[in-house]
Amino acid sequence: MKKTSSEVPISRENSVNISKYAQKQNKYPDLNIILFYLLNIIRSKYSLPFCLSILMLLYMQTVKPVIIGDGHEYFAMTISLFNHLSLDLQPADIAMRAAIEQSRGIYFPPTQDYYGYAKALNGNYYPIHFWAYSLASLPFLFILHFFNINELSSLQITNAVLLLASFWVITYCFEDKLQRLIMLAFSVVNPIVLYIGWTGAEVFSYSFVVMAISFAVAKKYNLAVLLSSIASLQNPPIIMFTLYLIYLGLRDSNFDFNNLKKLILSSAITVVPYIFYMIYYHVPNLIVSSGVSTFSNMSISKFINLFTDLNFGMILYIPVLFILAVIALFIGVKKKDDKIIFLWVTIVLMVTITTTQGNWNPGIMYIHRYCTYMIPVITLIVLYSLKYYSSVLSARLLGITLIIGFTLSFFTISGCMHDYDYSNYVKFSKLSQYAIVCAPELSNPPYENFGERSIGEEVDYTKNLPILFVYDGNVRKILTDYAHITDIEKFIEPEYKNETIKSIEKSGIGYINSHEIILPSYVDSSKIRILYHWKDDKYVTYATNA
């Protein structure tokens, strides 16, 4: 039987038509290929940062574009770069900033036009804070401007993108699954998320510190040093961590001098802010030269307060992580682990430098700004200590402890995100209220913090002394200077009177605490009254609003 072919002959004309059709189809993305890559991501170690990216995209839909912190200054820098690729603030920049802010119902008086700026030797006005954060936000301002979307979101989008980048870098760099899980978990459930909507450089510095740590763990020290140096452009205390990374890279290269040169070269960007201000002002740092940050501001009280304050202290937001880091210090000393010991030295130096700041109660979002970029370093200390939990029992206890810590941080941060009160820093938190009511001696924050929280605003609290914290008609705590000691000495318990008066006379200012410990079932905020001196010997009663 003759075999017949079932194939249909294709003419040259048909071949050309089919080819054109295929080309037309190739213009569109193949959904199967897209799904294939998405499934690969979901099945890989990148599944968590991928999901976090989706969640961040959804969260950003709820973030209201605002100007808070130093945002008025940073936004002006971004606009100046957008308009003329320079940092001098020009009238056109001021007009553009005002138009954008006013379109969102934000109004600043003309007296604030040059807020955060200082007149340079050439007659132009340049920002007091460095401009790396604004430079990072410039691409997003371009995109938003091009699509006619409110440009005010550029700083907040920058925060979100940098934070997400840190999540992806953690996933890429950490090969050890347990270390990766801990670092990622405590980076996601972290008080830095409170600053995503904050128009300041906190997320910028935090994210670059996290990325620096990640590459250091992967032993890519040159890149780690570079990233840490970028973080320090906005927060100079991070230079101490950069030095630690240089030591780490040198240590792992058996102190090779050639490697040291590469590491130092990687950190060269650190000096850019100082060169910038030397060119325009002939001083290396405007904040220091203006007296805002000086050694005379340093105090042990502020040092301890950054960790333990009942409003913004680090221990409130990462309690278990912080305690594990302290335990790691003892382990490190016992085991002579220089990585852990030197990291703690780094933390101490970073905190010490921050205490030179004159304004210790600035606008913050619950946790203190200066704590944010130190938290990744605290986490790294814990990661270094993991190898010492070698027994099955200790490993299980550590796992349970970390889960408890994660849960506590999650609920604390969730509560803050729910309230999201911009004026939180001039109010007493529930915990600080409870401490002052029950045992006043346990809560003795720097005077500035107590004074401004009592009055409810950033003011010169020394003009309102004495300040009396009263609960249910009983004076629990007083902040006074010696000039007004006669006004309040009747509230000092007789057995402590002479000692207290002498102490305040010597220092010029101090606390008077009730030594009576009371333990009510709960502290009723409506029963709290704060009295402070006004003028003409009149006192104002302030009801707490926490």
Protein backbone atom coordinates (compact mmCIF):
# COMPACT_ATOMS: atom_id res chain seq x y z
CA MET A 1 0.00 0.00 0.00
CA LYS A 2 1.33 3.42 -0.92
CA LYS A 3 2.19 5.51 2.10
CA THR A 4 0.72 8.98 2.01
CA SER A 5 2.20 11.86 3.89
CA SER A 6 -0.04 13.74 6.32
CA GLU A 7 2.31 16.75 6.34
CA VAL A 8 0.97 19.95 4.84
CA PRO A 9 3.45 21.62 2.52
CA ILE A 10 4.41 25.12 3.59
CA SER A 11 4.98 27.64 0.89
CA ARG A 12 7.54 30.45 1.17
CA GLU A 13 4.66 32.92 1.58
CA ASN A 14 3.13 30.93 4.45
CA SER A 15 6.54 30.63 6.09
CA VAL A 16 6.96 34.39 6.09
CA ASN A 17 3.49 34.89 7.58
CA ILE A 18 4.15 32.40 10.36
CA SER A 19 7.48 34.04 11.12
CA LYS A 20 5.80 37.45 11.41
CA TYR A 21 3.15 35.94 13.70
CA ALA A 22 5.84 34.40 15.92
CA GLN A 23 7.67 37.72 16.16
CA LYS A 24 4.42 39.43 17.12
CA GLN A 25 3.79 36.86 19.83
CA ASN A 26 7.32 37.27 21.22
CA LYS A 27 6.59 40.91 21.93
CA TYR A 28 4.57 39.78 24.94
CA PRO A 29 6.18 38.14 27.99
CA ASP A 30 5.69 34.41 28.32
CA LEU A 31 3.52 33.94 31.41
CA ASN A 32 4.82 30.41 31.87
CA ILE A 33 8.38 31.69 32.13
CA ILE A 34 7.34 34.39 34.61
CA LEU A 35 5.50 31.84 36.74
CA PHE A 36 8.50 29.51 36.54
CA TYR A 37 10.84 32.16 37.96
CA LEU A 38 8.32 33.20 40.62
CA LEU A 39 7.94 29.61 41.78
CA ASN A 40 11.71 29.23 41.94
CA ILE A 41 11.94 32.32 44.15
CA ILE A 42 9.15 31.09 46.41
CA ARG A 43 10.82 27.69 46.79
CA SER A 44 14.26 29.16 47.44
CA LYS A 45 15.77 30.93 50.44
CA TYR A 46 14.57 34.18 48.87
CA SER A 47 10.93 33.36 49.55
CA LEU A 48 10.84 35.39 52.78
CA PRO A 49 12.32 38.62 51.38
CA PHE A 50 10.06 38.19 48.36
CA CYS A 51 6.98 38.01 50.61
CA LEU A 52 8.29 40.93 52.66
CA SER A 53 8.62 42.97 49.48
CA ILE A 54 4.95 42.35 48.72
CA LEU A 55 3.98 43.28 52.29
CA MET A 56 6.09 46.43 52.12
CA LEU A 57 4.36 47.43 48.89
CA LEU A 58 0.99 47.03 50.59
CA TYR A 59 2.15 48.83 53.74
CA MET A 60 3.41 51.80 51.75
CA GLN A 61 -0.13 52.34 50.49
CA THR A 62 -1.09 53.23 54.07
CA VAL A 63 1.86 55.53 54.82
CA LYS A 64 0.85 59.17 54.76
CA PRO A 65 3.42 61.53 53.19
CA VAL A 66 4.47 63.88 55.98
CA ILE A 67 7.35 66.11 57.02
CA ILE A 68 8.71 65.25 60.46
CA GLY A 69 12.10 65.23 62.14
CA ASP A 70 14.61 66.94 59.87
CA GLY A 71 12.47 66.18 56.82
CA HIS A 72 11.99 69.84 55.90
CA GLU A 73 15.76 70.13 55.46
CA TYR A 74 16.32 66.75 53.76
CA PHE A 75 13.47 67.36 51.32
CA ALA A 76 14.97 70.73 50.43
CA MET A 77 18.31 69.05 49.70
CA THR A 78 16.63 66.56 47.37
CA ILE A 79 14.83 69.36 45.53
CA SER A 80 18.07 71.33 45.15
CA LEU A 81 19.76 68.27 43.65
CA PHE A 82 16.75 67.77 41.39
CA ASN A 83 16.72 71.37 40.16
CA HIS A 84 20.41 72.15 39.72
CA LEU A 85 22.51 69.22 41.02
CA SER A 86 24.01 71.31 43.79
CA LEU A 87 23.30 71.72 47.50
CA ASP A 88 22.90 75.49 47.77
CA LEU A 89 19.30 76.35 48.63
CA GLN A 90 17.87 78.74 46.03
CA PRO A 91 14.54 80.64 45.95
CA ALA A 92 13.19 78.28 43.26
CA ASP A 93 13.91 75.31 45.55
CA ILE A 94 12.07 76.96 48.43
CA ALA A 95 9.08 77.71 46.19
CA MET A 96 8.94 74.14 44.86
CA ARG A 97 9.20 72.66 48.34
CA ALA A 98 6.43 74.93 49.64
CA ALA A 99 4.14 74.03 46.73
CA ILE A 100 4.61 70.29 47.27
CA GLU A 101 4.18 70.51 51.04
CA GLN A 102 1.14 72.76 50.82
CA SER A 103 -0.49 70.38 48.34
CA ARG A 104 -0.55 67.90 51.25
CA GLY A 105 -1.81 70.47 53.76
CA ILE A 106 1.62 71.07 55.30
CA TYR A 107 2.48 74.69 55.98
CA PHE A 108 5.71 76.17 57.30
CA PRO A 109 6.10 79.89 58.04
CA PRO A 110 8.60 81.85 55.90
CA THR A 111 10.91 81.97 58.92
CA GLN A 112 11.44 78.22 58.39
CA ASP A 113 12.57 78.58 54.75
CA TYR A 114 16.23 78.22 55.69
CA TYR A 115 15.68 75.90 58.65
CA GLY A 116 18.59 73.46 58.88
CA TYR A 117 20.80 75.64 56.66
CA ALA A 118 23.76 77.91 57.38
CA LYS A 119 25.26 80.68 55.31
CA ALA A 120 28.60 79.65 53.81
CA LEU A 121 31.68 81.75 53.13
CA ASN A 122 30.59 82.17 49.49
CA GLY A 123 27.25 83.64 50.57
CA ASN A 124 25.17 80.58 49.65
CA TYR A 125 23.16 78.47 52.08
CA TYR A 126 24.09 74.81 52.56
CA PRO A 127 22.52 72.15 54.82
CA ILE A 128 23.80 71.50 58.31
CA HIS A 129 23.19 67.76 57.94
CA PHE A 130 25.02 65.87 55.22
CA TRP A 131 23.20 65.11 51.97
CA ALA A 132 23.85 61.39 51.31
CA TYR A 133 20.28 60.44 52.31
CA SER A 134 18.82 63.10 50.02
CA LEU A 135 21.05 61.94 47.17
CA ALA A 136 19.72 58.40 47.65
CA SER A 137 16.15 59.72 47.40
CA LEU A 138 16.82 61.72 44.23
CA PRO A 139 15.92 58.90 41.74
CA PHE A 140 12.57 58.44 43.44
CA LEU A 141 11.86 62.16 43.28
CA PHE A 142 12.58 62.05 39.53
CA ILE A 143 10.17 59.12 39.06
CA LEU A 144 7.39 60.66 41.16
CA HIS A 145 7.79 64.00 39.39
CA PHE A 146 7.72 62.35 35.95
CA PHE A 147 4.47 60.51 36.70
CA ASN A 148 2.99 63.55 38.47
CA ILE A 149 2.72 61.70 41.79
CA ASN A 150 3.22 63.61 45.03
CA GLU A 151 6.97 64.01 45.42
CA LEU A 152 6.69 64.24 49.19
CA SER A 153 6.75 60.43 49.30
CA SER A 154 10.28 60.27 47.88
CA LEU A 155 12.00 60.12 51.28
CA GLN A 156 9.63 57.46 52.62
CA ILE A 157 9.98 55.34 49.47
CA THR A 158 13.75 55.60 49.89
CA ASN A 159 13.36 54.24 53.43
CA ALA A 160 11.25 51.32 52.25
CA VAL A 161 13.56 50.40 49.37
CA LEU A 162 16.71 50.53 51.50
CA LEU A 163 15.12 48.43 54.23
CA LEU A 164 14.00 45.84 51.68
CA ALA A 165 17.49 45.85 50.16
CA SER A 166 18.90 44.98 53.58
CA PHE A 167 16.52 41.97 53.80
CA TRP A 168 17.65 40.68 50.40
CA VAL A 169 21.32 41.18 51.26
CA ILE A 170 20.91 39.25 54.52
CA THR A 171 19.39 36.37 52.57
CA TYR A 172 22.15 36.48 49.96
CA CYS A 173 25.11 36.69 52.36
CA PHE A 174 24.21 34.44 55.29
CA GLU A 175 24.95 30.81 54.43
CA ASP A 176 24.26 29.49 57.93
CA LYS A 177 20.49 28.94 58.07
CA LEU A 178 20.13 29.63 61.81
CA GLN A 179 22.13 32.84 61.64
CA ARG A 180 20.19 33.94 58.56
CA LEU A 181 16.87 33.22 60.26
CA ILE A 182 17.80 35.14 63.43
CA MET A 183 19.23 38.11 61.56
CA LEU A 184 16.27 38.31 59.21
CA ALA A 185 13.66 37.78 61.93
CA PHE A 186 15.07 40.51 64.17
CA SER A 187 15.50 42.83 61.19
CA VAL A 188 11.85 42.46 60.22
CA VAL A 189 10.47 42.67 63.76
CA ASN A 190 12.58 45.66 64.61
CA PRO A 191 11.76 49.18 65.85
CA ILE A 192 13.33 50.55 62.67
CA VAL A 193 9.99 49.86 60.94
CA LEU A 194 8.58 52.72 63.02
CA TYR A 195 10.87 55.02 61.03
CA ILE A 196 9.76 53.98 57.53
CA GLY A 197 7.35 56.91 57.48
CA TRP A 198 9.89 59.18 59.18
CA THR A 199 11.55 61.73 56.90
CA GLY A 200 15.02 61.35 58.36
CA ALA A 201 18.18 59.32 57.80
CA GLU A 202 17.59 56.64 60.47
CA VAL A 203 16.52 53.89 58.04
CA PHE A 204 19.33 54.93 55.68
CA SER A 205 22.03 54.34 58.29
CA TYR A 206 20.36 51.25 59.74
CA SER A 207 20.03 49.55 56.34
CA PHE A 208 23.63 50.17 55.34
CA VAL A 209 24.85 48.87 58.72
CA VAL A 210 22.81 45.68 58.21
CA MET A 211 24.22 45.24 54.71
CA ALA A 212 27.74 45.87 56.03
CA ILE A 213 27.26 43.17 58.67
CA SER A 214 25.92 40.75 56.07
CA PHE A 215 28.92 41.15 53.76
CA ALA A 216 31.28 40.96 56.74
CA VAL A 217 29.74 37.60 57.69
CA ALA A 218 30.34 36.53 54.08
CA LYS A 219 33.97 37.71 54.55
CA LYS A 220 33.66 40.37 51.85
CA TYR A 221 35.28 42.95 54.07
CA ASN A 222 36.09 45.64 51.52
CA LEU A 223 32.43 45.90 50.56
CA ALA A 224 31.38 45.71 54.21
CA VAL A 225 33.69 48.61 55.10
CA LEU A 226 32.37 50.66 52.18
CA LEU A 227 28.73 50.12 53.21
CA SER A 228 29.44 50.94 56.85
CA SER A 229 31.25 54.09 55.72
CA ILE A 230 28.19 55.13 53.72
CA ALA A 231 26.04 54.59 56.83
CA SER A 232 28.36 56.86 58.82
CA LEU A 233 27.85 59.76 56.40
CA GLN A 234 24.59 60.54 58.21
CA ASN A 235 25.49 59.23 61.67
CA PRO A 236 29.21 59.69 62.46
CA PRO A 237 29.28 57.35 65.51
CA ILE A 238 29.06 54.48 63.00
CA ILE A 239 32.69 55.25 62.12
CA MET A 240 33.53 53.18 65.22
CA PHE A 241 31.85 50.17 63.62
CA THR A 242 33.71 50.82 60.37
CA LEU A 243 36.98 50.64 62.32
CA TYR A 244 35.82 47.34 63.82
CA LEU A 245 35.19 45.94 60.33
CA ILE A 246 38.64 47.09 59.22
CA TYR A 247 40.10 45.22 62.20
CA LEU A 248 38.05 42.15 61.29
CA GLY A 249 39.23 42.19 57.68
CA LEU A 250 42.82 42.68 58.79
CA ARG A 251 42.53 39.89 61.36
CA ASP A 252 41.16 37.41 58.83
CA SER A 253 44.00 38.21 56.43
CA ASN A 254 46.62 37.50 59.10
CA PHE A 255 47.30 41.23 59.35
CA ASP A 256 48.39 41.59 55.75
CA PHE A 257 49.52 45.21 55.21
CA ASN A 258 48.39 45.21 51.57
CA ASN A 259 44.91 44.21 52.67
CA LEU A 260 44.92 47.03 55.23
CA LYS A 261 45.53 49.53 52.42
CA LYS A 262 42.52 48.16 50.52
CA LEU A 263 40.32 48.33 53.61
CA ILE A 264 41.34 51.91 54.35
CA LEU A 265 40.69 52.82 50.71
CA SER A 266 37.21 51.28 51.02
CA SER A 267 36.50 53.60 53.95
CA ALA A 268 37.72 56.74 52.16
CA ILE A 269 34.18 58.00 51.56
CA THR A 270 33.94 58.61 55.32
CA VAL A 271 35.89 61.85 54.99
CA VAL A 272 33.64 63.37 52.29
CA PRO A 273 31.36 65.29 54.74
CA TYR A 274 34.37 66.80 56.50
CA ILE A 275 35.90 67.90 53.19
CA PHE A 276 32.55 69.36 52.10
CA TYR A 277 32.22 71.52 55.21
CA MET A 278 35.89 72.50 55.19
CA ILE A 279 35.46 73.84 51.64
CA TYR A 280 32.36 75.91 52.37
CA TYR A 281 32.76 76.80 56.07
CA HIS A 282 36.41 76.11 56.97
CA VAL A 283 35.24 73.79 59.76
CA PRO A 284 34.98 69.99 59.56
CA ASN A 285 31.55 69.70 61.18
CA LEU A 286 28.90 72.42 61.54
CA ILE A 287 27.04 70.66 64.35
CA VAL A 288 30.19 70.44 66.47
CA SER A 289 31.47 73.92 65.60
CA SER A 290 28.09 75.47 66.50
CA GLY A 291 28.27 73.95 69.99
CA VAL A 292 25.25 71.69 69.52
CA SER A 293 27.50 68.67 70.05
CA THR A 294 30.30 69.05 72.61
CA PHE A 295 32.18 66.97 75.16
CA SER A 296 30.63 69.06 77.93
CA ASN A 297 27.25 67.47 77.11
CA MET A 298 28.51 63.99 77.95
CA SER A 299 27.23 62.25 81.07
CA ILE A 300 26.95 58.77 82.52
CA SER A 301 23.22 59.41 82.99
CA LYS A 302 22.72 59.86 79.24
CA PHE A 303 24.89 56.82 78.47
CA ILE A 304 22.79 54.53 80.67
CA ASN A 305 19.58 56.24 79.61
CA LEU A 306 20.00 55.25 75.94
CA PHE A 307 19.74 51.62 76.99
CA THR A 308 17.28 51.81 79.90
CA ASP A 309 14.97 54.80 79.45
CA LEU A 310 11.35 53.78 80.04
CA ASN A 311 10.22 55.75 76.99
CA PHE A 312 12.86 55.22 74.32
CA GLY A 313 15.47 52.85 75.80
CA MET A 314 16.80 50.02 73.67
CA ILE A 315 15.94 47.37 76.24
CA LEU A 316 12.20 48.07 75.88
CA TYR A 317 12.13 47.20 72.18
CA ILE A 318 14.63 44.32 71.99
CA PRO A 319 14.67 43.13 75.62
CA VAL A 320 15.71 39.52 75.11
CA LEU A 321 18.17 40.30 72.34
CA PHE A 322 19.84 42.91 74.53
CA ILE A 323 20.05 40.56 77.53
CA LEU A 324 21.54 37.81 75.32
CA ALA A 325 24.13 40.32 74.09
CA VAL A 326 25.08 41.14 77.69
CA ILE A 327 25.38 37.41 78.45
CA ALA A 328 27.51 37.11 75.31
CA LEU A 329 29.90 39.69 76.76
CA PHE A 330 30.55 37.49 79.80
CA ILE A 331 30.93 34.47 77.54
CA GLY A 332 33.30 36.41 75.29
CA VAL A 333 35.48 37.48 78.22
CA LYS A 334 35.61 33.94 79.57
CA LYS A 335 36.38 32.42 76.17
CA LYS A 336 38.68 35.31 75.17
CA ASP A 337 36.59 35.91 72.06
CA ASP A 338 37.96 39.16 70.67
CA LYS A 339 35.10 39.51 68.17
CA ILE A 340 32.51 39.78 70.93
CA ILE A 341 34.68 41.87 73.25
CA PHE A 342 35.64 44.38 70.56
CA LEU A 343 32.05 44.63 69.35
CA TRP A 344 30.99 45.64 72.84
CA VAL A 345 33.84 48.16 72.92
CA THR A 346 32.47 49.47 69.62
CA ILE A 347 28.97 49.83 71.09
CA VAL A 348 30.35 51.67 74.13
CA LEU A 349 32.28 54.09 71.92
CA MET A 350 29.25 54.68 69.68
CA VAL A 351 27.00 55.45 72.66
CA THR A 352 29.66 57.68 74.21
CA ILE A 353 29.87 59.76 71.04
CA THR A 354 26.08 60.17 70.90
CA THR A 355 26.04 61.58 74.44
CA THR A 356 27.87 64.67 73.15
CA GLN A 357 24.55 65.78 71.63
CA GLY A 358 22.96 68.72 73.40
CA ASN A 359 19.36 67.82 72.55
CA TRP A 360 18.80 64.48 74.27
CA ASN A 361 15.03 64.53 73.81
CA PRO A 362 14.65 65.20 70.07
CA GLY A 363 11.69 64.23 67.95
CA ILE A 364 11.71 60.43 67.75
CA MET A 365 9.36 57.60 66.92
CA TYR A 366 9.24 55.78 70.28
CA ILE A 367 12.75 54.27 70.30
CA HIS A 368 15.57 56.81 70.31
CA ARG A 369 17.04 57.59 66.89
CA TYR A 370 20.55 56.76 68.11
CA CYS A 371 19.51 53.27 69.17
CA THR A 372 18.30 52.26 65.73
CA TYR A 373 21.64 51.81 63.98
CA MET A 374 23.15 50.06 67.02
CA ILE A 375 20.56 47.27 67.09
CA PRO A 376 22.13 45.34 64.16
CA VAL A 377 25.45 45.40 66.04
CA ILE A 378 23.70 44.01 69.14
CA THR A 379 22.23 41.27 66.93
CA LEU A 380 25.68 40.45 65.54
CA ILE A 381 27.02 40.01 69.07
CA VAL A 382 24.28 37.43 69.71
CA LEU A 383 25.12 35.66 66.43
CA TYR A 384 28.79 35.43 67.45
CA SER A 385 27.76 33.80 70.73
CA LEU A 386 25.61 31.05 69.16
CA LYS A 387 28.53 28.62 68.86
CA TYR A 388 28.91 28.57 72.64
CA TYR A 389 25.43 27.10 73.14
CA SER A 390 26.73 23.68 72.17
CA SER A 391 24.77 21.36 74.43
CA VAL A 392 21.29 20.21 73.43
CA LEU A 393 19.73 21.76 76.54
CA SER A 394 21.40 25.15 76.14
CA ALA A 395 20.54 25.21 72.43
CA ARG A 396 16.88 24.51 73.20
CA LEU A 397 16.79 27.15 75.92
CA LEU A 398 18.36 29.64 73.53
CA GLY A 399 15.76 28.80 70.87
CA ILE A 400 12.89 29.28 73.31
CA THR A 401 14.44 32.53 74.56
CA LEU A 402 14.77 33.90 71.03
CA ILE A 403 11.15 33.01 70.25
CA ILE A 404 10.02 34.80 73.42
CA GLY A 405 12.17 37.80 72.48
CA PHE A 406 10.75 37.87 68.97
CA THR A 407 7.19 37.72 70.34
CA LEU A 408 7.76 40.48 72.90
CA SER A 409 9.32 42.76 70.29
CA PHE A 410 6.51 42.01 67.85
CA PHE A 411 3.77 43.07 70.26
CA THR A 412 5.69 46.13 71.51
CA ILE A 413 6.38 47.39 68.00
CA SER A 414 2.86 46.53 66.79
CA GLY A 415 1.41 48.61 69.62
CA CYS A 416 3.60 51.56 68.67
CA MET A 417 2.62 51.24 65.00
CA HIS A 418 -1.04 51.19 65.99
CA ASP A 419 -0.75 54.40 68.04
CA TYR A 420 1.96 56.09 65.95
CA ASP A 421 1.91 59.26 68.00
CA TYR A 422 4.33 61.89 66.67
CA SER A 423 4.35 63.61 70.08
CA ASN A 424 5.34 60.44 71.99
CA TYR A 425 8.70 61.90 73.02
CA VAL A 426 7.08 64.70 75.07
CA LYS A 427 4.79 62.33 76.96
CA PHE A 428 5.37 59.78 79.69
CA SER A 429 4.88 56.25 78.44
CA LYS A 430 2.58 53.96 80.42
CA LEU A 431 5.61 52.15 81.79
CA SER A 432 7.37 55.33 82.91
CA GLN A 433 4.14 56.55 84.53
CA TYR A 434 3.87 53.27 86.42
CA ALA A 435 7.49 53.45 87.62
CA ILE A 436 7.18 57.06 88.84
CA VAL A 437 3.89 56.37 90.61
CA CYS A 438 4.99 53.12 92.26
CA ALA A 439 8.71 53.62 92.94
CA PRO A 440 9.94 57.07 91.85
CA GLU A 441 13.58 56.33 92.71
CA LEU A 442 13.68 53.71 89.95
CA SER A 443 13.12 56.29 87.22
CA ASN A 444 15.60 59.16 87.13
CA PRO A 445 16.01 60.10 83.45
CA PRO A 446 18.15 63.07 82.36
CA TYR A 447 16.47 66.26 83.53
CA GLU A 448 15.69 67.38 79.99
CA ASN A 449 13.64 64.25 79.33
CA PHE A 450 11.62 64.51 82.53
CA GLY A 451 11.11 68.26 82.11
CA GLU A 452 9.85 68.15 78.52
CA ARG A 453 7.62 65.13 79.13
CA SER A 454 6.12 66.90 82.14
CA ILE A 455 5.39 70.11 80.22
CA GLY A 456 4.33 68.29 77.05
CA GLU A 457 6.55 70.11 74.56
CA GLU A 458 10.14 70.87 73.63
CA VAL A 459 10.93 73.94 75.73
CA ASP A 460 13.58 75.26 78.06
CA TYR A 461 12.26 73.33 81.04
CA THR A 462 14.63 75.14 83.43
CA LYS A 463 12.35 78.17 83.22
CA ASN A 464 9.48 76.08 84.62
CA LEU A 465 11.14 74.61 87.70
CA PRO A 466 10.09 73.23 90.07
CA ILE A 467 8.07 70.47 88.38
CA LEU A 468 5.91 68.25 90.59
CA PHE A 469 4.58 64.84 89.50
CA VAL A 470 1.43 64.16 91.55
CA TYR A 471 -0.66 60.99 91.66
CA ASP A 472 -4.04 60.91 93.38
CA GLY A 473 -3.12 63.99 95.39
CA ASN A 474 0.28 62.66 96.52
CA VAL A 475 3.56 64.17 95.31
CA ARG A 476 5.66 61.32 93.93
CA LYS A 477 8.55 63.11 92.24
CA ILE A 478 9.90 66.67 91.99
CA LEU A 479 12.50 68.20 89.71
CA THR A 480 13.81 71.48 91.10
CA ASP A 481 16.73 73.86 91.10
CA TYR A 482 18.22 75.22 94.30
CA ALA A 483 16.66 78.65 93.72
CA HIS A 484 13.21 77.16 94.38
CA ILE A 485 14.14 74.73 97.12
CA THR A 486 12.22 76.70 99.75
CA ASP A 487 9.03 76.35 97.68
CA ILE A 488 9.04 72.57 97.82
CA GLU A 489 11.09 71.58 100.89
CA LYS A 490 7.84 70.83 102.71
CA PHE A 491 7.44 67.81 100.42
CA ILE A 492 10.82 66.33 101.38
CA GLU A 493 10.60 63.49 103.89
CA PRO A 494 12.24 64.63 107.18
CA GLU A 495 14.85 61.87 107.34
CA TYR A 496 16.13 62.75 103.84
CA LYS A 497 15.72 66.53 104.02
CA ASN A 498 19.25 67.73 104.87
CA GLU A 499 20.94 65.27 102.53
CA THR A 500 18.61 66.13 99.63
CA ILE A 501 18.97 69.91 100.02
CA LYS A 502 22.79 69.67 100.20
CA SER A 503 22.86 67.52 97.07
CA ILE A 504 20.71 69.97 95.08
CA GLU A 505 22.71 72.93 96.38
CA LYS A 506 25.92 71.28 95.17
CA SER A 507 24.66 70.33 91.69
CA GLY A 508 22.25 73.23 91.23
CA ILE A 509 19.41 70.93 90.17
CA GLY A 510 18.08 67.53 91.16
CA TYR A 511 15.23 65.15 91.89
CA ILE A 512 13.27 64.80 95.09
CA ASN A 513 11.68 61.36 95.23
CA SER A 514 9.04 59.94 97.50
CA HIS A 515 10.51 56.89 99.23
CA GLU A 516 7.09 55.36 99.79
CA ILE A 517 6.52 52.43 97.45
CA ILE A 518 2.91 51.95 96.41
CA LEU A 519 1.58 49.10 94.28
CA PRO A 520 -1.86 49.90 92.88
CA SER A 521 -3.54 47.24 90.76
CA TYR A 522 -3.18 49.65 87.87
CA VAL A 523 -2.11 53.25 87.38
CA ASP A 524 -5.03 55.48 86.44
CA SER A 525 -3.62 58.18 84.14
CA SER A 526 -6.56 60.44 84.92
CA LYS A 527 -5.29 60.72 88.51
CA ILE A 528 -1.90 62.06 87.41
CA ARG A 529 -1.36 65.80 87.65
CA ILE A 530 1.84 67.65 86.90
CA LEU A 531 2.42 71.10 88.36
CA TYR A 532 5.14 73.37 87.08
CA HIS A 533 6.18 76.95 87.67
CA TRP A 534 4.91 79.50 85.19
CA LYS A 535 5.52 83.18 85.87
CA ASP A 536 4.73 85.63 88.64
CA ASP A 537 5.03 82.67 91.03
CA LYS A 538 2.01 81.01 89.44
CA TYR A 539 1.82 77.27 88.81
CA VAL A 540 0.20 75.47 85.89
CA THR A 541 -1.48 72.11 86.32
CA TYR A 542 -0.91 69.74 83.43
CA ALA A 543 -2.99 66.58 83.08
CA THR A 544 -1.02 63.78 81.43
CA ASN A 545 -2.36 62.67 78.08
CA ALA A 546 -0.83 59.24 77.76
